[in-house]
Amino acid sequence: MTNQIIDNIGASTDLWISRVILIVEDVDSNYQFLNATLKRSGAEIIWVKKGEDAIDIIRSGKKIDIILMDIQLEGKDGYSITREIKELNPEIPIIAQTAFAMKGEKEKSIDAGCDEYLAKPIRPSDLIFTISKYL
């Protein structure tokens, strides 16, 4: 199943055409990687650099199907932002992503309300597989 999903996205299908993915990432090159990996899926990609902007989008009522949350953000960190988003809408899956894959980070992310955790550098196949579990 995983290979089929990855093959479909690699073939530029519209696998997630009606889906909206919110990327909360303050490093441009990290966003570019995520966007390049996901753009062939057909999903609408929304990018914000600040966690507070993600909260504003959730408050606005915009349909968001899944969130990719960087943990190390300027200002409020991804843990705080995740908690606030889950208070507003506990149904939105949030995938934590961080370059600082230290012991206990995964548990801390899950405790904050993240549904999954990916350590950077993220392999495209891992990203697609993880998102596909929720979309």
N, C-alpha and C. Protein backbone atom coordinates (compact mmCIF):
# COMPACT_ATOMS: atom_id res chain seq x y z
N MET A 1 0.83 -1.20 0.00
CA MET A 1 0.00 0.00 0.00
C MET A 1 0.87 1.26 0.00
N THR A 2 1.90 1.27 0.84
CA THR A 2 2.78 2.43 0.91
C THR A 2 3.40 2.72 -0.44
N ASN A 3 3.94 1.71 -1.10
CA ASN A 3 4.57 1.92 -2.40
C ASN A 3 3.57 2.42 -3.43
N GLN A 4 2.34 1.93 -3.35
CA GLN A 4 1.31 2.39 -4.28
C GLN A 4 1.03 3.87 -4.08
N ILE A 5 0.93 4.30 -2.84
CA ILE A 5 0.69 5.72 -2.55
C ILE A 5 1.84 6.56 -3.07
N ILE A 6 3.06 6.14 -2.77
CA ILE A 6 4.24 6.89 -3.21
C ILE A 6 4.33 6.89 -4.72
N ASP A 7 4.07 5.76 -5.36
CA ASP A 7 4.09 5.70 -6.82
C ASP A 7 3.04 6.62 -7.42
N ASN A 8 1.86 6.64 -6.83
CA ASN A 8 0.80 7.51 -7.34
C ASN A 8 1.19 8.98 -7.25
N ILE A 9 1.76 9.38 -6.14
CA ILE A 9 2.17 10.77 -6.01
C ILE A 9 3.33 11.06 -6.96
N GLY A 10 4.25 10.13 -7.08
CA GLY A 10 5.36 10.31 -8.01
C GLY A 10 4.89 10.44 -9.45
N ALA A 11 3.76 9.84 -9.76
CA ALA A 11 3.22 9.89 -11.12
C ALA A 11 2.35 11.13 -11.33
N SER A 12 2.37 12.05 -10.37
CA SER A 12 1.66 13.31 -10.48
C SER A 12 0.15 13.11 -10.55
N THR A 13 -0.37 12.29 -9.68
CA THR A 13 -1.81 12.08 -9.63
C THR A 13 -2.43 13.13 -8.71
N ASP A 14 -3.73 13.11 -8.67
CA ASP A 14 -4.46 14.02 -7.79
C ASP A 14 -4.99 13.25 -6.60
N LEU A 15 -4.13 12.48 -5.96
CA LEU A 15 -4.50 11.61 -4.85
C LEU A 15 -5.22 12.36 -3.74
N TRP A 16 -4.75 13.57 -3.43
CA TRP A 16 -5.33 14.34 -2.33
C TRP A 16 -5.92 15.66 -2.84
N ILE A 17 -6.56 15.63 -4.00
CA ILE A 17 -7.02 16.85 -4.67
C ILE A 17 -7.93 17.71 -3.81
N SER A 18 -8.75 17.12 -2.97
CA SER A 18 -9.69 17.91 -2.16
C SER A 18 -9.16 18.19 -0.76
N ARG A 19 -7.91 17.89 -0.51
CA ARG A 19 -7.33 18.02 0.83
C ARG A 19 -6.51 19.31 0.96
N VAL A 20 -6.45 19.79 2.21
CA VAL A 20 -5.68 21.00 2.51
C VAL A 20 -4.66 20.66 3.58
N ILE A 21 -3.40 20.93 3.26
CA ILE A 21 -2.29 20.67 4.18
C ILE A 21 -1.71 22.01 4.62
N LEU A 22 -1.70 22.24 5.92
CA LEU A 22 -1.11 23.46 6.49
C LEU A 22 0.30 23.12 6.95
N ILE A 23 1.28 23.84 6.42
CA ILE A 23 2.67 23.65 6.81
C ILE A 23 3.09 24.82 7.68
N VAL A 24 3.49 24.53 8.91
CA VAL A 24 3.98 25.55 9.84
C VAL A 24 5.49 25.33 9.93
N GLU A 25 6.24 26.17 9.23
CA GLU A 25 7.68 25.98 9.09
C GLU A 25 8.34 27.33 8.87
N ASP A 26 9.30 27.68 9.71
CA ASP A 26 9.93 29.00 9.59
C ASP A 26 11.20 29.02 8.75
N VAL A 27 11.66 27.88 8.30
CA VAL A 27 12.87 27.82 7.47
C VAL A 27 12.46 27.58 6.01
N ASP A 28 12.79 28.54 5.15
CA ASP A 28 12.37 28.48 3.75
C ASP A 28 12.77 27.17 3.06
N SER A 29 14.01 26.74 3.25
CA SER A 29 14.48 25.53 2.56
C SER A 29 13.72 24.29 3.02
N ASN A 30 13.35 24.24 4.28
CA ASN A 30 12.55 23.11 4.77
C ASN A 30 11.16 23.12 4.14
N TYR A 31 10.56 24.32 4.04
CA TYR A 31 9.27 24.42 3.37
C TYR A 31 9.39 23.99 1.91
N GLN A 32 10.43 24.44 1.23
CA GLN A 32 10.60 24.10 -0.18
C GLN A 32 10.66 22.58 -0.37
N PHE A 33 11.35 21.89 0.52
CA PHE A 33 11.41 20.43 0.46
C PHE A 33 10.01 19.83 0.63
N LEU A 34 9.29 20.27 1.66
CA LEU A 34 7.95 19.73 1.92
C LEU A 34 7.03 20.00 0.74
N ASN A 35 7.06 21.22 0.23
CA ASN A 35 6.21 21.59 -0.89
C ASN A 35 6.55 20.76 -2.13
N ALA A 36 7.84 20.61 -2.43
CA ALA A 36 8.25 19.82 -3.59
C ALA A 36 7.80 18.36 -3.46
N THR A 37 7.84 17.85 -2.25
CA THR A 37 7.43 16.46 -2.01
C THR A 37 5.92 16.29 -2.16
N LEU A 38 5.16 17.31 -1.76
CA LEU A 38 3.71 17.18 -1.71
C LEU A 38 2.97 17.76 -2.91
N LYS A 39 3.61 18.59 -3.71
CA LYS A 39 2.87 19.34 -4.73
C LYS A 39 2.19 18.45 -5.77
N ARG A 40 2.76 17.29 -6.06
CA ARG A 40 2.16 16.40 -7.05
C ARG A 40 0.94 15.65 -6.52
N SER A 41 0.69 15.78 -5.23
CA SER A 41 -0.44 15.07 -4.63
C SER A 41 -1.78 15.69 -4.99
N GLY A 42 -1.76 16.93 -5.44
CA GLY A 42 -2.99 17.63 -5.74
C GLY A 42 -3.57 18.38 -4.56
N ALA A 43 -2.99 18.21 -3.37
CA ALA A 43 -3.49 18.90 -2.18
C ALA A 43 -3.20 20.40 -2.28
N GLU A 44 -4.07 21.17 -1.66
CA GLU A 44 -3.79 22.60 -1.50
C GLU A 44 -2.80 22.73 -0.35
N ILE A 45 -1.72 23.45 -0.58
CA ILE A 45 -0.70 23.64 0.44
C ILE A 45 -0.77 25.08 0.93
N ILE A 46 -0.88 25.25 2.23
CA ILE A 46 -0.84 26.58 2.85
C ILE A 46 0.40 26.61 3.73
N TRP A 47 1.18 27.68 3.60
CA TRP A 47 2.42 27.80 4.37
C TRP A 47 2.37 29.03 5.25
N VAL A 48 2.69 28.84 6.52
CA VAL A 48 2.89 29.95 7.44
C VAL A 48 4.22 29.74 8.16
N LYS A 49 4.86 30.86 8.50
CA LYS A 49 6.15 30.78 9.19
C LYS A 49 6.00 30.88 10.70
N LYS A 50 4.88 31.42 11.16
CA LYS A 50 4.66 31.61 12.59
C LYS A 50 3.50 30.75 13.07
N GLY A 51 3.66 30.20 14.25
CA GLY A 51 2.60 29.40 14.83
C GLY A 51 1.32 30.19 15.07
N GLU A 52 1.49 31.45 15.43
CA GLU A 52 0.32 32.30 15.67
C GLU A 52 -0.53 32.43 14.41
N ASP A 53 0.12 32.46 13.24
CA ASP A 53 -0.63 32.53 11.98
C ASP A 53 -1.42 31.24 11.74
N ALA A 54 -0.87 30.12 12.15
CA ALA A 54 -1.60 28.85 12.04
C ALA A 54 -2.85 28.88 12.91
N ILE A 55 -2.71 29.40 14.11
CA ILE A 55 -3.86 29.51 15.02
C ILE A 55 -4.93 30.39 14.39
N ASP A 56 -4.51 31.51 13.79
CA ASP A 56 -5.47 32.40 13.13
C ASP A 56 -6.23 31.68 12.01
N ILE A 57 -5.54 30.85 11.25
CA ILE A 57 -6.19 30.11 10.17
C ILE A 57 -7.22 29.14 10.74
N ILE A 58 -6.88 28.45 11.80
CA ILE A 58 -7.83 27.51 12.43
C ILE A 58 -9.03 28.28 12.98
N ARG A 59 -8.77 29.40 13.62
CA ARG A 59 -9.88 30.22 14.16
C ARG A 59 -10.79 30.73 13.05
N SER A 60 -10.23 30.98 11.87
CA SER A 60 -11.02 31.53 10.77
C SER A 60 -12.04 30.53 10.23
N GLY A 61 -11.86 29.25 10.56
CA GLY A 61 -12.78 28.23 10.07
C GLY A 61 -12.36 27.63 8.74
N LYS A 62 -11.21 28.05 8.22
CA LYS A 62 -10.69 27.47 6.97
C LYS A 62 -10.54 25.96 7.14
N LYS A 63 -10.96 25.22 6.13
CA LYS A 63 -10.84 23.75 6.17
C LYS A 63 -9.36 23.37 6.08
N ILE A 64 -8.89 22.68 7.10
CA ILE A 64 -7.53 22.15 7.13
C ILE A 64 -7.65 20.66 7.44
N ASP A 65 -7.05 19.83 6.60
CA ASP A 65 -7.15 18.38 6.80
C ASP A 65 -6.02 17.81 7.64
N ILE A 66 -4.85 18.45 7.59
CA ILE A 66 -3.70 17.97 8.35
C ILE A 66 -2.69 19.11 8.48
N ILE A 67 -1.92 19.08 9.56
CA ILE A 67 -0.91 20.11 9.80
C ILE A 67 0.45 19.45 9.96
N LEU A 68 1.44 20.01 9.26
CA LEU A 68 2.85 19.64 9.48
C LEU A 68 3.44 20.74 10.34
N MET A 69 3.80 20.41 11.57
CA MET A 69 4.21 21.40 12.57
C MET A 69 5.69 21.30 12.89
N ASP A 70 6.44 22.34 12.53
CA ASP A 70 7.83 22.42 12.99
C ASP A 70 7.79 22.68 14.49
N ILE A 71 8.64 22.03 15.23
CA ILE A 71 8.65 22.20 16.68
C ILE A 71 9.47 23.42 17.09
N GLN A 72 10.58 23.66 16.43
CA GLN A 72 11.46 24.77 16.78
C GLN A 72 11.10 26.01 15.97
N LEU A 73 10.13 26.77 16.46
CA LEU A 73 9.69 27.99 15.81
C LEU A 73 10.15 29.20 16.62
N GLU A 74 10.29 30.33 15.95
CA GLU A 74 10.55 31.57 16.70
C GLU A 74 9.27 31.95 17.43
N GLY A 75 9.41 32.59 18.56
CA GLY A 75 8.24 32.92 19.36
C GLY A 75 7.75 31.67 20.07
N LYS A 76 6.46 31.43 20.02
CA LYS A 76 5.91 30.22 20.63
C LYS A 76 6.40 29.00 19.87
N ASP A 77 6.79 27.97 20.60
CA ASP A 77 7.27 26.76 19.94
C ASP A 77 6.10 25.91 19.45
N GLY A 78 6.43 24.89 18.68
CA GLY A 78 5.42 24.02 18.10
C GLY A 78 4.58 23.27 19.11
N TYR A 79 5.15 23.01 20.29
CA TYR A 79 4.38 22.35 21.35
C TYR A 79 3.22 23.24 21.79
N SER A 80 3.51 24.50 22.06
CA SER A 80 2.48 25.45 22.51
C SER A 80 1.42 25.65 21.43
N ILE A 81 1.87 25.80 20.20
CA ILE A 81 0.94 26.01 19.10
C ILE A 81 0.05 24.78 18.92
N THR A 82 0.63 23.60 19.02
CA THR A 82 -0.15 22.37 18.90
C THR A 82 -1.23 22.31 19.98
N ARG A 83 -0.87 22.62 21.21
CA ARG A 83 -1.86 22.60 22.30
C ARG A 83 -3.02 23.55 21.99
N GLU A 84 -2.70 24.75 21.53
CA GLU A 84 -3.75 25.73 21.23
C GLU A 84 -4.64 25.26 20.08
N ILE A 85 -4.02 24.71 19.04
CA ILE A 85 -4.81 24.23 17.91
C ILE A 85 -5.72 23.08 18.33
N LYS A 86 -5.21 22.16 19.13
CA LYS A 86 -6.02 21.03 19.58
C LYS A 86 -7.17 21.47 20.47
N GLU A 87 -6.99 22.58 21.21
CA GLU A 87 -8.10 23.13 21.99
C GLU A 87 -9.19 23.66 21.06
N LEU A 88 -8.78 24.27 19.96
CA LEU A 88 -9.73 24.83 19.00
C LEU A 88 -10.38 23.74 18.15
N ASN A 89 -9.59 22.76 17.74
CA ASN A 89 -10.10 21.68 16.89
C ASN A 89 -9.29 20.41 17.14
N PRO A 90 -9.74 19.59 18.07
CA PRO A 90 -8.99 18.37 18.42
C PRO A 90 -8.96 17.32 17.31
N GLU A 91 -9.77 17.49 16.28
CA GLU A 91 -9.86 16.50 15.21
C GLU A 91 -8.76 16.64 14.15
N ILE A 92 -8.11 17.78 14.07
CA ILE A 92 -7.09 17.99 13.04
C ILE A 92 -5.83 17.20 13.40
N PRO A 93 -5.40 16.29 12.53
CA PRO A 93 -4.15 15.58 12.80
C PRO A 93 -2.96 16.54 12.65
N ILE A 94 -2.02 16.42 13.57
CA ILE A 94 -0.81 17.25 13.53
C ILE A 94 0.40 16.32 13.55
N ILE A 95 1.27 16.53 12.57
CA ILE A 95 2.51 15.77 12.49
C ILE A 95 3.65 16.69 12.88
N ALA A 96 4.32 16.35 13.98
CA ALA A 96 5.48 17.13 14.43
C ALA A 96 6.66 16.81 13.53
N GLN A 97 7.46 17.82 13.27
CA GLN A 97 8.70 17.63 12.52
C GLN A 97 9.77 18.52 13.14
N THR A 98 10.91 17.93 13.41
CA THR A 98 11.98 18.70 14.03
C THR A 98 13.35 18.18 13.63
N ALA A 99 14.29 19.10 13.56
CA ALA A 99 15.68 18.74 13.26
C ALA A 99 16.41 18.35 14.54
N PHE A 100 15.81 18.65 15.67
CA PHE A 100 16.45 18.37 16.96
C PHE A 100 15.86 17.10 17.55
N ALA A 101 16.22 15.97 16.94
CA ALA A 101 15.65 14.68 17.33
C ALA A 101 16.38 14.14 18.56
N MET A 102 16.19 14.81 19.67
CA MET A 102 16.83 14.39 20.91
C MET A 102 15.93 13.40 21.63
N LYS A 103 16.52 12.67 22.55
CA LYS A 103 15.76 11.69 23.32
C LYS A 103 14.59 12.38 24.02
N GLY A 104 13.44 11.79 23.92
CA GLY A 104 12.25 12.33 24.56
C GLY A 104 11.45 13.29 23.69
N GLU A 105 11.99 13.70 22.54
CA GLU A 105 11.27 14.65 21.68
C GLU A 105 9.96 14.06 21.15
N LYS A 106 10.00 12.81 20.74
CA LYS A 106 8.79 12.19 20.22
C LYS A 106 7.71 12.16 21.29
N GLU A 107 8.07 11.72 22.48
CA GLU A 107 7.10 11.66 23.58
C GLU A 107 6.57 13.05 23.92
N LYS A 108 7.46 14.03 23.94
CA LYS A 108 7.04 15.40 24.24
C LYS A 108 6.07 15.91 23.18
N SER A 109 6.32 15.57 21.92
CA SER A 109 5.43 15.98 20.84
C SER A 109 4.06 15.34 20.98
N ILE A 110 4.04 14.05 21.27
CA ILE A 110 2.77 13.33 21.43
C ILE A 110 2.02 13.87 22.65
N ASP A 111 2.74 14.13 23.73
CA ASP A 111 2.11 14.70 24.94
C ASP A 111 1.49 16.07 24.66
N ALA A 112 2.09 16.83 23.76
CA ALA A 112 1.56 18.16 23.42
C ALA A 112 0.32 18.07 22.55
N GLY A 113 0.06 16.89 21.97
CA GLY A 113 -1.12 16.71 21.14
C GLY A 113 -0.84 16.32 19.71
N CYS A 114 0.43 16.20 19.34
CA CYS A 114 0.75 15.77 17.98
C CYS A 114 0.35 14.30 17.81
N ASP A 115 -0.09 13.98 16.62
CA ASP A 115 -0.51 12.62 16.32
C ASP A 115 0.64 11.75 15.83
N GLU A 116 1.63 12.38 15.24
CA GLU A 116 2.80 11.67 14.70
C GLU A 116 4.02 12.55 14.87
N TYR A 117 5.18 11.94 14.64
CA TYR A 117 6.45 12.64 14.81
C TYR A 117 7.41 12.19 13.72
N LEU A 118 8.01 13.14 13.01
CA LEU A 118 9.03 12.85 12.01
C LEU A 118 10.28 13.65 12.33
N ALA A 119 11.43 12.98 12.35
CA ALA A 119 12.70 13.66 12.58
C ALA A 119 13.30 14.07 11.24
N LYS A 120 13.82 15.30 11.19
CA LYS A 120 14.51 15.77 9.99
C LYS A 120 15.93 15.23 10.00
N PRO A 121 16.50 14.93 8.87
CA PRO A 121 15.90 15.08 7.53
C PRO A 121 14.83 14.01 7.29
N ILE A 122 13.75 14.45 6.69
CA ILE A 122 12.60 13.57 6.45
C ILE A 122 12.73 12.95 5.06
N ARG A 123 12.57 11.65 5.01
CA ARG A 123 12.55 10.98 3.71
C ARG A 123 11.18 11.20 3.08
N PRO A 124 11.14 11.53 1.79
CA PRO A 124 9.84 11.74 1.14
C PRO A 124 8.87 10.59 1.34
N SER A 125 9.36 9.36 1.27
CA SER A 125 8.46 8.20 1.43
C SER A 125 7.85 8.16 2.83
N ASP A 126 8.63 8.54 3.85
CA ASP A 126 8.11 8.58 5.22
C ASP A 126 7.04 9.67 5.36
N LEU A 127 7.29 10.81 4.74
CA LEU A 127 6.33 11.91 4.80
C LEU A 127 5.01 11.50 4.15
N ILE A 128 5.07 10.96 2.96
CA ILE A 128 3.86 10.56 2.24
C ILE A 128 3.12 9.46 3.00
N PHE A 129 3.85 8.48 3.48
CA PHE A 129 3.22 7.38 4.22
C PHE A 129 2.52 7.90 5.47
N THR A 130 3.19 8.76 6.22
CA THR A 130 2.62 9.28 7.46
C THR A 130 1.37 10.10 7.20
N ILE A 131 1.43 10.99 6.23
CA ILE A 131 0.25 11.80 5.89
C ILE A 131 -0.89 10.90 5.42
N SER A 132 -0.57 9.89 4.62
CA SER A 132 -1.62 9.03 4.06
C SER A 132 -2.40 8.27 5.14
N LYS A 133 -1.83 8.11 6.30
CA LYS A 133 -2.55 7.45 7.39
C LYS A 133 -3.73 8.29 7.88
N TYR A 134 -3.69 9.59 7.59
CA TYR A 134 -4.73 10.50 8.10
C TYR A 134 -5.62 11.08 7.01
N LEU A 135 -5.20 11.02 5.77
CA LEU A 135 -6.02 11.60 4.69
C LEU A 135 -6.74 10.51 3.90
